[in-house]
């Protein structure tokens, strides 16, 4: 397994942007061992055929690979694992060949995610103010100075620790009714305007 896989095509980016596929990929990374479609369907409590559809899309686009097969009760189970621990987007995909088209697919995808987080946050603030909710919110924004090596170390460490927690506690749908749902987001990117540091 490689440390980093670089997403280089729009099709790969489209697959990586799909919530169902990234959830499956994250579970496979956290498992640290090959998983079959059956394993994933049981973990997610979803229909085998739907999980298989997402797994095949991940495989076709190079995110996971078939590592071995096992025969169980006359049925051959295929086991897959991620090709890397970390997935990054090639910077060329962030360059728009159509000039500054605000409706480009990539910009629309980023806008959708950021807008969703923003709207969820505002909705929570408004509701909290109306009922005088005292639950804490963790909101942090800061400028940090890092080398490229430090950026890679931070991303790897945060991702590894979060995925370990998510695998063991955070994705248990059976306990969802006894817990509150939280939005979680993290961005780490270089600043282009150094004047506002």
C-alpha atoms as a PDB file:
ATOM      1  CA  UNK A   1       0.000   0.000   0.000  1.00  0.00           C
ATOM      2  CA  UNK A   2       1.345   3.420  -0.966  1.00  0.00           C
ATOM      3  CA  UNK A   3       1.349   6.318   1.489  1.00  0.00           C
ATOM      4  CA  UNK A   4      -0.339   8.764  -0.929  1.00  0.00           C
ATOM      5  CA  UNK A   5      -2.517   8.334  -4.013  1.00  0.00           C
ATOM      6  CA  UNK A   6      -2.911  11.400  -6.230  1.00  0.00           C
ATOM      7  CA  UNK A   7      -6.311  11.904  -7.864  1.00  0.00           C
ATOM      8  CA  UNK A   8      -5.516  12.957 -11.422  1.00  0.00           C
ATOM      9  CA  UNK A   9      -8.724  12.783 -13.462  1.00  0.00           C
ATOM     10  CA  UNK A  10     -12.141  14.422 -13.263  1.00  0.00           C
ATOM     11  CA  UNK A  11     -13.743  10.955 -13.185  1.00  0.00           C
ATOM     12  CA  UNK A  12     -11.644   9.981 -10.157  1.00  0.00           C
ATOM     13  CA  UNK A  13     -12.561  13.263  -8.493  1.00  0.00           C
ATOM     14  CA  UNK A  14     -16.251  12.631  -9.180  1.00  0.00           C
ATOM     15  CA  UNK A  15     -16.007   9.173  -7.579  1.00  0.00           C
ATOM     16  CA  UNK A  16     -14.061  10.586  -4.615  1.00  0.00           C
ATOM     17  CA  UNK A  17     -16.709  13.276  -4.118  1.00  0.00           C
ATOM     18  CA  UNK A  18     -19.501  10.725  -3.720  1.00  0.00           C
ATOM     19  CA  UNK A  19     -20.449  10.306  -0.051  1.00  0.00           C
ATOM     20  CA  UNK A  20     -21.226   6.573  -0.301  1.00  0.00           C
ATOM     21  CA  UNK A  21     -17.960   5.760  -2.028  1.00  0.00           C
ATOM     22  CA  UNK A  22     -15.790   7.791   0.335  1.00  0.00           C
ATOM     23  CA  UNK A  23     -17.543   6.230   3.333  1.00  0.00           C
ATOM     24  CA  UNK A  24     -16.663   2.777   1.989  1.00  0.00           C
ATOM     25  CA  UNK A  25     -13.103   3.876   1.234  1.00  0.00           C
ATOM     26  CA  UNK A  26     -12.702   5.322   4.743  1.00  0.00           C
ATOM     27  CA  UNK A  27     -13.931   2.103   6.348  1.00  0.00           C
ATOM     28  CA  UNK A  28     -11.465   0.106   4.253  1.00  0.00           C
ATOM     29  CA  UNK A  29      -8.573   2.393   5.226  1.00  0.00           C
ATOM     30  CA  UNK A  30      -9.487   2.208   8.925  1.00  0.00           C
ATOM     31  CA  UNK A  31      -9.827  -1.593   8.843  1.00  0.00           C
ATOM     32  CA  UNK A  32      -6.135  -2.017   7.982  1.00  0.00           C
ATOM     33  CA  UNK A  33      -6.937  -5.374   6.378  1.00  0.00           C
ATOM     34  CA  UNK A  34      -8.617  -6.522   3.144  1.00  0.00           C
ATOM     35  CA  UNK A  35     -12.427  -6.503   3.204  1.00  0.00           C
ATOM     36  CA  UNK A  36     -15.023  -8.169   0.998  1.00  0.00           C
ATOM     37  CA  UNK A  37     -18.232  -6.601  -0.266  1.00  0.00           C
ATOM     38  CA  UNK A  38     -20.034  -8.846   2.235  1.00  0.00           C
ATOM     39  CA  UNK A  39     -17.924  -7.423   5.108  1.00  0.00           C
ATOM     40  CA  UNK A  40     -18.691  -3.866   3.971  1.00  0.00           C
ATOM     41  CA  UNK A  41     -22.416  -4.526   3.490  1.00  0.00           C
ATOM     42  CA  UNK A  42     -22.620  -5.930   7.033  1.00  0.00           C
ATOM     43  CA  UNK A  43     -20.649  -3.016   8.515  1.00  0.00           C
ATOM     44  CA  UNK A  44     -22.823  -0.463   6.725  1.00  0.00           C
ATOM     45  CA  UNK A  45     -26.057  -2.469   7.117  1.00  0.00           C
ATOM     46  CA  UNK A  46     -26.784  -1.940   3.432  1.00  0.00           C
ATOM     47  CA  UNK A  47     -27.832  -4.102   0.502  1.00  0.00           C
ATOM     48  CA  UNK A  48     -24.969  -6.153  -0.961  1.00  0.00           C
ATOM     49  CA  UNK A  49     -25.663  -5.128  -4.576  1.00  0.00           C
ATOM     50  CA  UNK A  50     -25.567  -1.395  -3.777  1.00  0.00           C
ATOM     51  CA  UNK A  51     -22.311  -1.712  -1.849  1.00  0.00           C
ATOM     52  CA  UNK A  52     -20.852  -3.791  -4.692  1.00  0.00           C
ATOM     53  CA  UNK A  53     -21.754  -1.030  -7.173  1.00  0.00           C
ATOM     54  CA  UNK A  54     -19.710   1.513  -5.181  1.00  0.00           C
ATOM     55  CA  UNK A  55     -16.839  -0.934  -4.635  1.00  0.00           C
ATOM     56  CA  UNK A  56     -16.588  -1.618  -8.377  1.00  0.00           C
ATOM     57  CA  UNK A  57     -16.526   2.126  -9.111  1.00  0.00           C
ATOM     58  CA  UNK A  58     -13.707   2.577  -6.574  1.00  0.00           C
ATOM     59  CA  UNK A  59     -11.791  -0.318  -8.143  1.00  0.00           C
ATOM     60  CA  UNK A  60     -12.334   0.887 -11.720  1.00  0.00           C
ATOM     61  CA  UNK A  61     -10.906   4.291 -10.800  1.00  0.00           C
ATOM     62  CA  UNK A  62      -7.839   2.965  -9.024  1.00  0.00           C
ATOM     63  CA  UNK A  63      -8.763   3.699  -5.391  1.00  0.00           C
ATOM     64  CA  UNK A  64      -8.832   0.054  -4.280  1.00  0.00           C
ATOM     65  CA  UNK A  65      -7.437  -3.204  -5.617  1.00  0.00           C
ATOM     66  CA  UNK A  66      -8.358  -6.875  -5.469  1.00  0.00           C
ATOM     67  CA  UNK A  67      -5.851  -8.644  -3.207  1.00  0.00           C
ATOM     68  CA  UNK A  68      -7.231 -12.169  -2.941  1.00  0.00           C
ATOM     69  CA  UNK A  69     -10.257 -14.450  -3.323  1.00  0.00           C
ATOM     70  CA  UNK A  70     -11.719 -17.020  -0.942  1.00  0.00           C
ATOM     71  CA  UNK A  71     -14.276 -19.739  -1.594  1.00  0.00           C
ATOM     72  CA  UNK A  72     -16.912 -19.960   1.128  1.00  0.00           C
ATOM     73  CA  UNK A  73     -19.827 -22.351   0.778  1.00  0.00           C
ATOM     74  CA  UNK A  74     -19.443 -22.526  -2.983  1.00  0.00           C
ATOM     75  CA  UNK A  75     -19.347 -18.732  -3.291  1.00  0.00           C
ATOM     76  CA  UNK A  76     -16.155 -16.886  -4.186  1.00  0.00           C
ATOM     77  CA  UNK A  77     -15.618 -13.797  -2.053  1.00  0.00           C
ATOM     78  CA  UNK A  78     -13.256 -11.112  -3.359  1.00  0.00           C
ATOM     79  CA  UNK A  79     -11.227  -9.103  -0.874  1.00  0.00           C
ATOM     80  CA  UNK A  80     -10.117  -5.542  -1.583  1.00  0.00           C
ATOM     81  CA  UNK A  81      -7.863  -2.995   0.063  1.00  0.00           C
ATOM     82  CA  UNK A  82      -7.126   0.693  -0.603  1.00  0.00           C
ATOM     83  CA  UNK A  83      -4.095   1.470  -2.755  1.00  0.00           C
ATOM     84  CA  UNK A  84      -2.984   4.184  -0.294  1.00  0.00           C
ATOM     85  CA  UNK A  85      -3.589   5.620   3.174  1.00  0.00           C
ATOM     86  CA  UNK A  86      -4.043   9.211   1.984  1.00  0.00           C
ATOM     87  CA  UNK A  87      -5.757  10.550  -1.143  1.00  0.00           C
ATOM     88  CA  UNK A  88      -4.836  13.986  -2.499  1.00  0.00           C
ATOM     89  CA  UNK A  89      -6.156  15.936  -5.481  1.00  0.00           C
ATOM     90  CA  UNK A  90      -3.638  16.862  -8.194  1.00  0.00           C
ATOM     91  CA  UNK A  91      -3.337  20.638  -8.394  1.00  0.00           C
ATOM     92  CA  UNK A  92      -3.938  20.533 -12.171  1.00  0.00           C
ATOM     93  CA  UNK A  93      -7.558  19.596 -11.438  1.00  0.00           C
ATOM     94  CA  UNK A  94      -7.903  22.899  -9.629  1.00  0.00           C
ATOM     95  CA  UNK A  95      -6.910  24.840 -12.738  1.00  0.00           C
ATOM     96  CA  UNK A  96      -9.888  25.665 -14.907  1.00  0.00           C
ATOM     97  CA  UNK A  97      -9.314  25.402 -18.651  1.00  0.00           C
ATOM     98  CA  UNK A  98     -12.482  27.374 -19.302  1.00  0.00           C
ATOM     99  CA  UNK A  99     -11.138  30.552 -17.700  1.00  0.00           C
ATOM    100  CA  UNK A 100     -13.031  31.597 -14.584  1.00  0.00           C
ATOM    101  CA  UNK A 101     -16.276  29.786 -15.246  1.00  0.00           C
ATOM    102  CA  UNK A 102     -18.182  29.941 -11.926  1.00  0.00           C
ATOM    103  CA  UNK A 103     -20.301  26.954 -12.946  1.00  0.00           C
ATOM    104  CA  UNK A 104     -17.441  24.529 -13.518  1.00  0.00           C
ATOM    105  CA  UNK A 105     -18.102  21.092 -12.057  1.00  0.00           C
ATOM    106  CA  UNK A 106     -15.199  21.230  -9.611  1.00  0.00           C
ATOM    107  CA  UNK A 107     -16.097  24.661  -8.252  1.00  0.00           C
ATOM    108  CA  UNK A 108     -19.718  23.556  -7.942  1.00  0.00           C
ATOM    109  CA  UNK A 109     -18.636  20.536  -5.902  1.00  0.00           C
ATOM    110  CA  UNK A 110     -16.538  22.649  -3.512  1.00  0.00           C
ATOM    111  CA  UNK A 111     -19.280  25.252  -3.244  1.00  0.00           C
ATOM    112  CA  UNK A 112     -21.827  22.557  -2.401  1.00  0.00           C
ATOM    113  CA  UNK A 113     -19.738  21.138   0.457  1.00  0.00           C
ATOM    114  CA  UNK A 114     -18.780  24.513   1.956  1.00  0.00           C
ATOM    115  CA  UNK A 115     -22.345  25.814   1.609  1.00  0.00           C
ATOM    116  CA  UNK A 116     -23.717  22.717   3.360  1.00  0.00           C
ATOM    117  CA  UNK A 117     -21.353  23.195   6.316  1.00  0.00           C
ATOM    118  CA  UNK A 118     -22.111  26.930   6.435  1.00  0.00           C
ATOM    119  CA  UNK A 119     -25.895  26.400   6.350  1.00  0.00           C
ATOM    120  CA  UNK A 120     -25.752  23.661   9.002  1.00  0.00           C
ATOM    121  CA  UNK A 121     -23.733  25.978  11.234  1.00  0.00           C
ATOM    122  CA  UNK A 122     -26.072  28.962  10.795  1.00  0.00           C
ATOM    123  CA  UNK A 123     -29.099  26.764  11.435  1.00  0.00           C
ATOM    124  CA  UNK A 124     -27.525  25.548  14.683  1.00  0.00           C
ATOM    125  CA  UNK A 125     -26.653  29.112  15.782  1.00  0.00           C
ATOM    126  CA  UNK A 126     -30.195  30.360  15.114  1.00  0.00           C
ATOM    127  CA  UNK A 127     -31.776  27.428  16.931  1.00  0.00           C
ATOM    128  CA  UNK A 128     -29.352  27.768  19.864  1.00  0.00           C
ATOM    129  CA  UNK A 129     -30.133  31.451  20.273  1.00  0.00           C
ATOM    130  CA  UNK A 130     -33.876  30.836  20.143  1.00  0.00           C
ATOM    131  CA  UNK A 131     -33.814  28.212  22.914  1.00  0.00           C
ATOM    132  CA  UNK A 132     -30.768  29.549  24.775  1.00  0.00           C
ATOM    133  CA  UNK A 133     -28.885  26.337  24.079  1.00  0.00           C
ATOM    134  CA  UNK A 134     -25.600  26.284  25.983  1.00  0.00           C
ATOM    135  CA  UNK A 135     -23.916  23.407  24.140  1.00  0.00           C
ATOM    136  CA  UNK A 136     -20.370  24.276  23.201  1.00  0.00           C
ATOM    137  CA  UNK A 137     -19.216  24.523  19.623  1.00  0.00           C
ATOM    138  CA  UNK A 138     -15.597  24.089  18.614  1.00  0.00           C
ATOM    139  CA  UNK A 139     -14.814  26.787  16.071  1.00  0.00           C
ATOM    140  CA  UNK A 140     -11.236  27.481  15.138  1.00  0.00           C
ATOM    141  CA  UNK A 141      -9.581  29.455  12.387  1.00  0.00           C
ATOM    142  CA  UNK A 142      -5.899  30.218  12.362  1.00  0.00           C
ATOM    143  CA  UNK A 143      -2.896  30.750  10.148  1.00  0.00           C
ATOM    144  CA  UNK A 144      -0.082  28.282  10.735  1.00  0.00           C
ATOM    145  CA  UNK A 145       3.384  28.185   9.215  1.00  0.00           C
ATOM    146  CA  UNK A 146       4.444  24.750   8.034  1.00  0.00           C
ATOM    147  CA  UNK A 147       6.914  23.019   5.785  1.00  0.00           C
ATOM    148  CA  UNK A 148       5.595  20.643   3.127  1.00  0.00           C
ATOM    149  CA  UNK A 149       6.838  17.736   5.250  1.00  0.00           C
ATOM    150  CA  UNK A 150       4.946  19.039   8.312  1.00  0.00           C
ATOM    151  CA  UNK A 151       1.741  19.401   6.271  1.00  0.00           C
ATOM    152  CA  UNK A 152       1.992  15.744   5.204  1.00  0.00           C
ATOM    153  CA  UNK A 153       2.680  14.657   8.792  1.00  0.00           C
ATOM    154  CA  UNK A 154      -0.288  16.605  10.190  1.00  0.00           C
ATOM    155  CA  UNK A 155      -2.681  15.320   7.535  1.00  0.00           C
ATOM    156  CA  UNK A 156      -1.559  11.721   8.020  1.00  0.00           C
ATOM    157  CA  UNK A 157      -1.771  11.921  11.829  1.00  0.00           C
ATOM    158  CA  UNK A 158      -5.174  13.611  11.978  1.00  0.00           C
ATOM    159  CA  UNK A 159      -6.620  11.315   9.344  1.00  0.00           C
ATOM    160  CA  UNK A 160      -5.273   8.161  10.996  1.00  0.00           C
ATOM    161  CA  UNK A 161      -6.533   9.104  14.467  1.00  0.00           C
ATOM    162  CA  UNK A 162      -9.931  10.262  13.246  1.00  0.00           C
ATOM    163  CA  UNK A 163     -10.465   7.144  11.115  1.00  0.00           C
ATOM    164  CA  UNK A 164      -9.520   4.889  14.017  1.00  0.00           C
ATOM    165  CA  UNK A 165     -12.064   6.658  16.223  1.00  0.00           C
ATOM    166  CA  UNK A 166     -14.678   6.672  13.426  1.00  0.00           C
ATOM    167  CA  UNK A 167     -14.239   2.955  12.781  1.00  0.00           C
ATOM    168  CA  UNK A 168     -14.674   2.005  16.442  1.00  0.00           C
ATOM    169  CA  UNK A 169     -17.224   4.567  17.645  1.00  0.00           C
ATOM    170  CA  UNK A 170     -18.352   7.173  15.162  1.00  0.00           C
ATOM    171  CA  UNK A 171     -20.160   5.141  12.511  1.00  0.00           C
ATOM    172  CA  UNK A 172     -22.335   2.969  14.751  1.00  0.00           C
ATOM    173  CA  UNK A 173     -25.793   3.546  13.292  1.00  0.00           C
ATOM    174  CA  UNK A 174     -27.364   1.276  15.936  1.00  0.00           C
ATOM    175  CA  UNK A 175     -26.513   3.843  18.610  1.00  0.00           C
ATOM    176  CA  UNK A 176     -27.458   6.857  16.484  1.00  0.00           C
ATOM    177  CA  UNK A 177     -30.809   7.362  18.257  1.00  0.00           C
ATOM    178  CA  UNK A 178     -29.023   7.813  21.593  1.00  0.00           C
ATOM    179  CA  UNK A 179     -26.561  10.353  20.192  1.00  0.00           C
ATOM    180  CA  UNK A 180     -26.660  13.816  18.633  1.00  0.00           C
ATOM    181  CA  UNK A 181     -25.554  14.316  15.017  1.00  0.00           C
ATOM    182  CA  UNK A 182     -22.618  16.684  14.525  1.00  0.00           C
ATOM    183  CA  UNK A 183     -21.096  18.241  11.427  1.00  0.00           C
ATOM    184  CA  UNK A 184     -17.338  17.842  11.239  1.00  0.00           C
ATOM    185  CA  UNK A 185     -15.117  19.571   8.711  1.00  0.00           C
ATOM    186  CA  UNK A 186     -11.468  20.444   8.394  1.00  0.00           C
ATOM    187  CA  UNK A 187      -9.615  22.440   5.763  1.00  0.00           C
ATOM    188  CA  UNK A 188      -5.868  22.800   5.401  1.00  0.00           C
ATOM    189  CA  UNK A 189      -4.676  24.727   2.368  1.00  0.00           C
ATOM    190  CA  UNK A 190      -2.006  27.287   1.495  1.00  0.00           C
ATOM    191  CA  UNK A 191      -2.935  30.956   1.735  1.00  0.00           C
ATOM    192  CA  UNK A 192      -2.554  32.852  -1.528  1.00  0.00           C
ATOM    193  CA  UNK A 193      -2.968  36.317  -0.013  1.00  0.00           C
ATOM    194  CA  UNK A 194      -0.169  36.835   2.509  1.00  0.00           C
ATOM    195  CA  UNK A 195      -1.136  40.431   3.200  1.00  0.00           C
ATOM    196  CA  UNK A 196      -3.890  39.385   5.628  1.00  0.00           C
ATOM    197  CA  UNK A 197      -1.635  37.202   7.807  1.00  0.00           C
END
